[in-house]
Protein backbone atom coordinates (compact mmCIF):
# COMPACT_ATOMS: atom_id res chain seq x y z
CA MET A 1 74.83 102.13 93.52
CA ILE A 2 74.31 102.37 89.73
CA ARG A 3 73.85 98.98 87.95
CA ILE A 4 74.31 97.88 84.37
CA LYS A 5 70.63 97.09 84.47
CA ASP A 6 69.74 100.78 85.37
CA ILE A 7 71.85 102.03 82.41
CA ALA A 8 70.19 99.55 80.04
CA GLU A 9 66.74 100.58 80.98
CA ARG A 10 67.48 104.24 80.44
CA ALA A 11 69.18 103.61 77.10
CA GLY A 12 66.47 101.25 75.90
CA VAL A 13 68.82 98.38 75.24
CA SER A 14 69.65 95.11 76.86
CA PRO A 15 72.04 94.71 79.91
CA THR A 16 74.17 92.50 77.54
CA THR A 17 74.62 95.31 75.12
CA VAL A 18 75.69 97.69 77.92
CA SER A 19 78.11 95.00 79.19
CA ASN A 20 79.61 94.59 75.81
CA VAL A 21 80.24 98.28 75.45
CA LEU A 22 81.71 98.46 78.93
CA HIS A 23 84.03 95.54 78.31
CA GLY A 24 85.22 96.71 74.78
CA LYS A 25 83.17 94.16 72.83
CA ALA A 26 80.99 96.69 70.90
CA GLY A 27 81.66 95.25 67.56
CA ARG A 28 77.99 94.51 66.88
CA VAL A 29 76.60 97.49 68.61
CA SER A 30 75.69 100.60 66.53
CA LYS A 31 77.80 103.67 66.82
CA GLU A 32 74.74 105.60 68.00
CA ASN A 33 74.07 103.16 70.77
CA VAL A 34 77.70 103.11 71.86
CA LYS A 35 77.69 106.92 72.10
CA LYS A 36 74.27 106.91 73.95
CA ILE A 37 75.44 104.30 76.47
CA LYS A 38 78.62 106.10 77.18
CA ARG A 39 76.83 109.43 77.60
CA ILE A 40 74.34 107.78 80.04
CA MET A 41 77.20 106.29 82.03
CA ASP A 42 78.74 109.68 82.33
CA GLU A 43 75.46 111.35 83.25
CA MET A 44 74.64 108.60 85.98
CA HIS A 45 78.31 108.74 87.22
CA TYR A 46 78.68 105.00 86.65
CA ILE A 47 81.89 103.57 88.16
CA PRO A 48 82.73 100.17 86.57
CA SER A 49 83.77 97.39 88.80
CA ILE A 50 87.43 96.63 88.28
CA SER A 51 86.99 93.04 89.54
CA ALA A 52 84.11 92.48 87.17
CA GLN A 53 86.19 93.65 84.27
CA LEU A 54 89.08 91.20 85.27
CA LEU A 55 86.53 88.36 85.27
CA ALA A 56 85.00 89.30 82.02
CA GLY A 57 87.87 87.69 80.10
CA GLU A 58 89.12 89.40 76.87
CA HIS A 59 89.56 92.91 78.07
CA SER A 60 90.50 93.96 81.63
CA GLY A 61 91.57 97.58 81.01
CA LEU A 62 94.89 96.75 82.79
CA ILE A 63 98.41 97.33 81.54
CA GLY A 64 100.99 95.74 83.76
CA VAL A 65 104.43 97.47 84.33
CA ALA A 66 107.06 95.10 85.70
CA VAL A 67 110.21 96.62 87.26
CA GLY A 68 113.10 94.20 87.15
CA TYR A 69 115.20 95.64 90.04
CA PRO A 70 113.93 96.01 93.58
CA LYS A 71 116.96 98.33 94.36
CA LYS A 72 118.73 100.90 92.33
CA ASN A 73 121.88 102.69 93.42
CA ASP A 74 121.52 102.69 97.25
CA ALA A 75 117.75 102.92 97.52
CA PHE A 76 114.66 100.92 96.67
CA ALA A 77 113.95 101.22 92.94
CA LEU A 78 110.78 103.25 93.50
CA GLU A 79 112.67 105.75 95.52
CA ASP A 80 114.99 106.40 92.60
CA PRO A 81 114.09 109.78 90.91
CA PHE A 82 114.60 108.32 87.39
CA VAL A 83 112.42 105.32 88.01
CA ALA A 84 109.80 107.38 89.70
CA ALA A 85 109.70 109.92 86.66
CA LEU A 86 109.53 107.02 84.25
CA LEU A 87 106.70 105.38 86.12
CA GLY A 88 104.81 108.72 86.48
CA ASN A 89 104.93 109.34 82.77
CA LEU A 90 103.90 105.71 81.99
CA GLU A 91 100.86 106.04 84.37
CA TYR A 92 99.84 109.30 82.75
CA GLU A 93 100.09 107.88 79.21
CA ILE A 94 98.29 104.68 80.09
CA ARG A 95 95.47 106.60 81.84
CA GLU A 96 95.07 109.03 78.78
CA ARG A 97 94.27 105.95 76.72
CA GLY A 98 91.55 104.72 79.03
CA TYR A 99 93.57 102.00 80.77
CA TYR A 100 94.84 101.50 84.27
CA MET A 101 98.45 100.79 85.33
CA MET A 102 99.28 97.97 87.70
CA LEU A 103 102.90 97.97 89.06
CA LEU A 104 104.86 94.80 89.70
CA VAL A 105 108.27 94.85 91.38
CA ARG A 106 110.56 91.82 91.01
CA HIS A 107 111.68 90.26 94.36
CA GLY A 108 112.04 86.84 92.81
CA MET A 109 111.52 85.71 89.21
CA SER A 110 109.01 82.96 89.91
CA GLU A 111 106.95 85.42 91.94
CA MET A 112 106.96 87.93 89.13
CA ILE A 113 105.93 85.42 86.53
CA GLY A 114 103.11 84.28 88.81
CA GLN A 115 101.88 87.86 89.06
CA VAL A 116 102.16 88.55 85.39
CA LEU A 117 100.13 85.41 84.58
CA GLY A 118 97.82 85.67 87.52
CA TRP A 119 96.37 89.03 86.47
CA ASN A 120 94.42 89.43 83.32
CA PHE A 121 96.67 92.15 81.80
CA ASP A 122 95.84 93.39 78.33
CA GLY A 123 99.58 94.13 77.75
CA LEU A 124 102.83 94.35 79.63
CA ILE A 125 105.68 96.93 79.91
CA THR A 126 108.93 95.77 81.40
CA ILE A 127 111.73 97.84 82.81
CA GLY A 128 115.17 96.35 83.55
CA LEU A 129 114.46 92.67 82.92
CA MET A 130 117.19 90.42 81.60
CA GLN A 131 116.89 88.57 78.34
CA GLN A 132 116.15 85.16 79.91
CA GLU A 133 113.48 86.62 82.05
CA LEU A 134 111.88 88.36 79.12
CA ARG A 135 111.82 85.09 77.15
CA GLN A 136 110.35 83.18 80.05
CA ILE A 137 107.49 85.71 80.37
CA HIS A 138 106.90 86.10 76.69
CA ALA A 139 106.67 82.40 76.19
CA MET A 140 103.78 82.16 78.76
CA PHE A 141 102.12 85.50 78.51
CA GLY A 142 101.04 85.54 74.81
CA LYS A 143 99.96 89.18 74.77
CA PRO A 144 101.50 92.54 73.73
CA MET A 145 104.93 93.14 75.45
CA VAL A 146 107.16 96.17 75.35
CA ALA A 147 110.62 96.25 77.05
CA ILE A 148 112.21 99.51 78.17
CA ASP A 149 115.95 99.67 78.15
CA SER A 150 116.74 96.11 77.06
CA TYR A 151 120.12 95.59 75.48
CA ASP A 152 119.63 91.91 74.61
CA GLU A 153 118.19 90.22 71.65
CA LEU A 154 114.47 90.12 72.38
CA PRO A 155 111.92 87.43 71.48
CA GLU A 156 110.06 87.93 68.21
CA GLY A 157 107.19 90.24 68.81
CA VAL A 158 108.57 92.20 71.81
CA VAL A 159 109.18 95.84 71.09
CA ASN A 160 112.13 97.56 72.76
CA ILE A 161 112.13 101.29 73.76
CA GLY A 162 115.54 102.64 74.75
CA THR A 163 117.77 105.65 74.84
CA ASP A 164 120.55 106.16 72.44
CA ASP A 165 123.15 105.87 75.21
CA ARG A 166 126.12 105.89 73.07
CA ASP A 167 125.02 109.18 71.53
CA GLY A 168 124.46 110.69 74.94
CA GLY A 169 127.92 109.67 76.07
CA TYR A 170 129.37 111.09 72.87
CA GLN A 171 127.51 114.42 73.33
CA MET A 172 128.85 114.86 76.90
CA GLY A 173 132.38 113.83 75.82
CA ARG A 174 132.41 116.26 72.97
CA TYR A 175 130.99 119.01 75.26
CA LEU A 176 133.69 118.48 77.89
CA THR A 177 136.52 118.45 75.26
CA ARG A 178 135.09 121.66 73.69
CA MET A 179 135.01 123.32 77.08
CA GLY A 180 138.83 122.65 77.21
CA HIS A 181 139.02 119.44 79.28
CA ARG A 182 141.70 116.91 78.38
CA ARG A 183 142.27 115.30 81.82
CA LEU A 184 138.77 113.76 82.39
CA LEU A 185 137.30 110.41 83.34
CA PHE A 186 134.04 108.39 82.82
CA LEU A 187 132.95 106.70 85.97
CA SER A 188 130.37 103.92 86.35
CA ASP A 189 129.68 101.00 88.62
CA ASN A 190 129.88 98.50 85.69
CA ASP A 191 130.93 98.11 82.11
CA GLY A 192 127.85 96.41 80.69
CA TYR A 193 124.70 97.26 78.87
CA LEU A 194 123.85 100.99 78.97
CA ASP A 195 126.88 102.04 80.93
CA HIS A 196 129.14 100.37 78.38
CA GLU A 197 127.28 102.12 75.48
CA ARG A 198 127.79 105.51 77.22
CA TRP A 199 131.46 104.74 77.68
CA LEU A 200 131.87 103.89 73.97
CA GLY A 201 130.31 107.21 73.12
CA VAL A 202 132.67 109.07 75.57
CA ARG A 203 135.67 107.23 74.19
CA GLU A 204 134.85 108.13 70.62
CA ALA A 205 134.52 111.88 71.43
CA LEU A 206 137.82 111.83 73.38
CA SER A 207 139.61 110.08 70.53
CA GLU A 208 138.27 112.58 68.03
CA ALA A 209 139.53 115.41 70.30
CA GLY A 210 142.97 113.85 70.53
CA VAL A 211 142.72 113.29 74.25
CA PRO A 212 145.86 111.25 75.36
CA ASP A 213 145.20 107.66 76.38
CA ALA A 214 141.45 108.07 75.71
CA LYS A 215 140.70 104.31 75.93
CA ASN A 216 141.91 104.17 79.53
CA ARG A 217 139.85 106.95 80.92
CA HIS A 218 137.05 104.72 82.33
CA VAL A 219 137.02 104.07 86.08
CA LEU A 220 134.89 101.56 87.70
CA ILE A 221 133.49 102.59 91.07
CA GLU A 222 132.07 100.56 93.91
CA ARG A 223 128.40 99.99 94.18
CA ASP A 224 128.26 100.01 97.89
CA ARG A 225 128.22 103.54 99.33
CA GLU A 226 130.73 102.98 102.12
CA ARG A 227 133.21 101.19 99.93
CA ARG A 228 132.74 103.87 97.28
CA GLU A 229 133.60 106.61 99.76
CA ARG A 230 136.72 104.61 100.78
CA GLN A 231 137.61 104.37 97.11
CA TYR A 232 137.31 108.09 96.71
CA GLN A 233 139.50 108.67 99.65
CA GLU A 234 142.21 106.25 98.43
CA GLN A 235 142.13 107.72 94.92
CA PHE A 236 141.62 111.34 96.08
CA ALA A 237 144.86 112.76 94.53
CA TYR A 238 144.20 110.95 91.19
CA LEU A 239 140.57 112.03 90.93
CA THR A 240 141.25 115.64 91.95
CA GLY A 241 144.17 115.71 89.51
CA GLN A 242 141.57 115.58 86.66
CA THR A 243 139.75 118.63 85.50
CA ALA A 244 136.40 116.87 84.80
CA LEU A 245 134.53 113.76 86.03
CA PHE A 246 131.68 112.46 84.07
CA TYR A 247 129.42 109.94 85.97
CA ALA A 248 127.12 107.50 84.29
CA SER A 249 124.24 108.65 86.42
CA ASP A 250 123.08 111.84 88.19
CA TYR A 251 123.00 110.07 91.47
CA TYR A 252 126.71 109.29 91.52
CA ALA A 253 127.51 112.71 90.06
CA VAL A 254 125.62 114.67 92.84
CA GLU A 255 126.99 112.30 95.55
CA ALA A 256 130.57 112.91 94.19
CA SER A 257 130.02 116.67 93.94
CA ASN A 258 129.09 116.64 97.71
CA PHE A 259 131.97 114.45 98.65
CA PHE A 260 134.64 116.60 97.03
CA GLN A 261 133.14 119.96 98.06
CA SER A 262 132.94 118.72 101.71
CA ARG A 263 136.70 118.13 101.54
CA GLY A 264 137.57 121.60 100.14
CA ILE A 265 137.47 120.92 96.38
CA LEU A 266 135.48 123.66 94.58
CA VAL A 267 133.03 122.58 91.95
CA PRO A 268 133.45 123.65 89.16
CA ASP A 269 136.34 125.97 89.84
CA GLN A 270 138.76 123.16 90.75
CA LEU A 271 136.85 120.22 89.37
CA SER A 272 134.07 119.97 86.92
CA ILE A 273 131.34 117.16 87.41
CA ALA A 274 128.79 116.01 85.00
CA GLY A 275 126.07 113.31 85.03
CA PHE A 276 123.57 111.41 83.01
CA ASP A 277 119.72 111.24 83.32
CA ASP A 278 118.61 114.79 84.30
CA VAL A 279 116.54 113.67 87.28
CA SER A 280 114.82 116.26 89.66
CA TYR A 281 117.81 116.68 92.01
CA ALA A 282 120.14 117.58 89.09
CA LYS A 283 118.42 120.96 88.93
CA MET A 284 118.33 121.40 92.75
CA ALA A 285 122.07 120.49 93.25
CA ARG A 286 124.57 123.16 94.04
CA PRO A 287 125.84 123.95 91.65
CA GLY A 288 123.24 122.74 89.22
CA LEU A 289 124.41 119.63 87.60
CA THR A 290 125.27 119.67 83.79
CA THR A 291 123.96 116.35 82.55
CA ILE A 292 122.46 114.37 79.71
CA ARG A 293 118.67 114.56 79.61
CA GLN A 294 117.03 111.11 78.84
CA ASN A 295 113.61 112.62 77.89
CA VAL A 296 111.62 110.02 79.91
CA ASP A 297 108.38 111.53 78.82
CA VAL A 298 109.09 110.60 75.22
CA LYS A 299 110.26 107.09 76.23
CA ALA A 300 107.05 106.51 78.13
CA ARG A 301 104.87 107.85 75.28
CA TYR A 302 106.64 105.58 72.74
CA ALA A 303 106.29 102.54 75.13
CA VAL A 304 102.48 103.05 75.70
CA LYS A 305 101.84 103.81 72.06
CA ALA A 306 103.64 100.61 71.06
CA VAL A 307 101.41 98.51 73.51
CA MET A 308 98.36 100.19 72.09
CA ASP A 309 99.39 99.55 68.50
CA LEU A 310 100.00 95.93 69.23
CA LEU A 311 96.67 95.65 70.95
CA GLU A 312 94.87 97.09 67.96
CA GLY A 313 96.82 95.00 65.41
CA ARG A 314 98.78 97.89 63.83
CA GLU A 315 102.26 97.45 62.47
CA VAL A 316 104.94 98.32 64.94
CA GLN A 317 108.73 98.69 64.46
CA ARG A 318 110.86 96.41 66.67
CA GLU A 319 112.90 99.12 68.32
CA TYR A 320 112.76 102.76 69.10
CA ARG A 321 115.77 104.73 70.31
CA VAL A 322 115.01 108.09 72.08
CA ILE A 323 117.52 110.85 71.41
CA SER A 324 119.01 112.51 74.53
CA SER A 325 120.06 116.08 74.86
CA LEU A 326 122.59 118.13 76.80
CA ALA A 327 121.34 119.98 79.90
CA GLU A 328 123.97 122.61 80.52
CA ARG A 329 124.14 124.11 84.10
CA ARG A 330 126.85 125.32 86.37
CA SER A 331 128.80 122.21 87.43
CA VAL A 332 131.15 122.39 84.45
CA ARG A 333 133.46 125.28 83.72
CA ARG A 334 135.40 126.20 80.54
CA ILE A 335 139.21 125.90 80.95
CA SER A 336 141.86 127.46 78.74
CA GLU A 337 144.96 125.66 77.41
CA THR A 338 147.03 127.86 79.75
CA SER A 339 145.18 126.80 82.92
CA GLU A 340 145.40 123.15 81.77
CA ILE A 341 149.14 123.37 81.31
CA MET A 342 149.59 125.30 84.70
CA SER A 343 147.48 122.77 86.62
């Protein structure tokens, strides 16, 4: 096992100097010695002790990522493709900057606060935490914090990284109306936060296109899968009487596509279906799902850059909004005015 003492002897410096370089306290160490020590560490295949770094105090090399919802849709949050893609991109960006990611999932707020404070994180990225929770953690944490997808007013000093959800909804609403759809619905399991923003974008696009009764084309669906299926069965004639259904997430869109196709409704020949997120199974669905791509790689890159800028004392803007884009596949078809009138 390679020790700090071994590296110091080979570099001709004191163990304290090596320790300072290792723990990011190299302010008084010459650039030449820093380069030499790091080179020797590589040559000797030195693996630093994580526990020793945690005990060292100022710099642990850990960035905490706190996920605020233990479940998303009908599965645990970490099973959800969107959450998994976001976490994967965060881990890559954090590691590229020489840090390690430590994941925390909320099962109780007091437990999460205890974990955040119990570990010596250099910074914290939160996903899906509510305003009061963010304020509680921020008041006690006292280190750089970045929130992803927060729609509340954040404490001073906390940076928010989000998607321009209203624009994403608008893009899809405009696309569907340009494809000839006038009888269409936006479906989500709530009318708050990001889903509300997406609906506002859809409504704006429908109003611009002169869609009749545009403000009433939002349908709330059940969160529980069995109750949602019963809802679809009860509203079958109404839903299939539309030409297009735009869901607030790919999960619900793919599920609905399967539900209606299993009951003889052809997608997109009889009913067009669209989603939001562009997760992995949107591409694998049959037909491939037309959706709004959230660009989670950009979101993760912005989040990690903001943490690093805060750590290094650089000026950071309070909020970043990542622009989404349309991913056009085969679940939406163009319809003519004639077919719209005949149907």
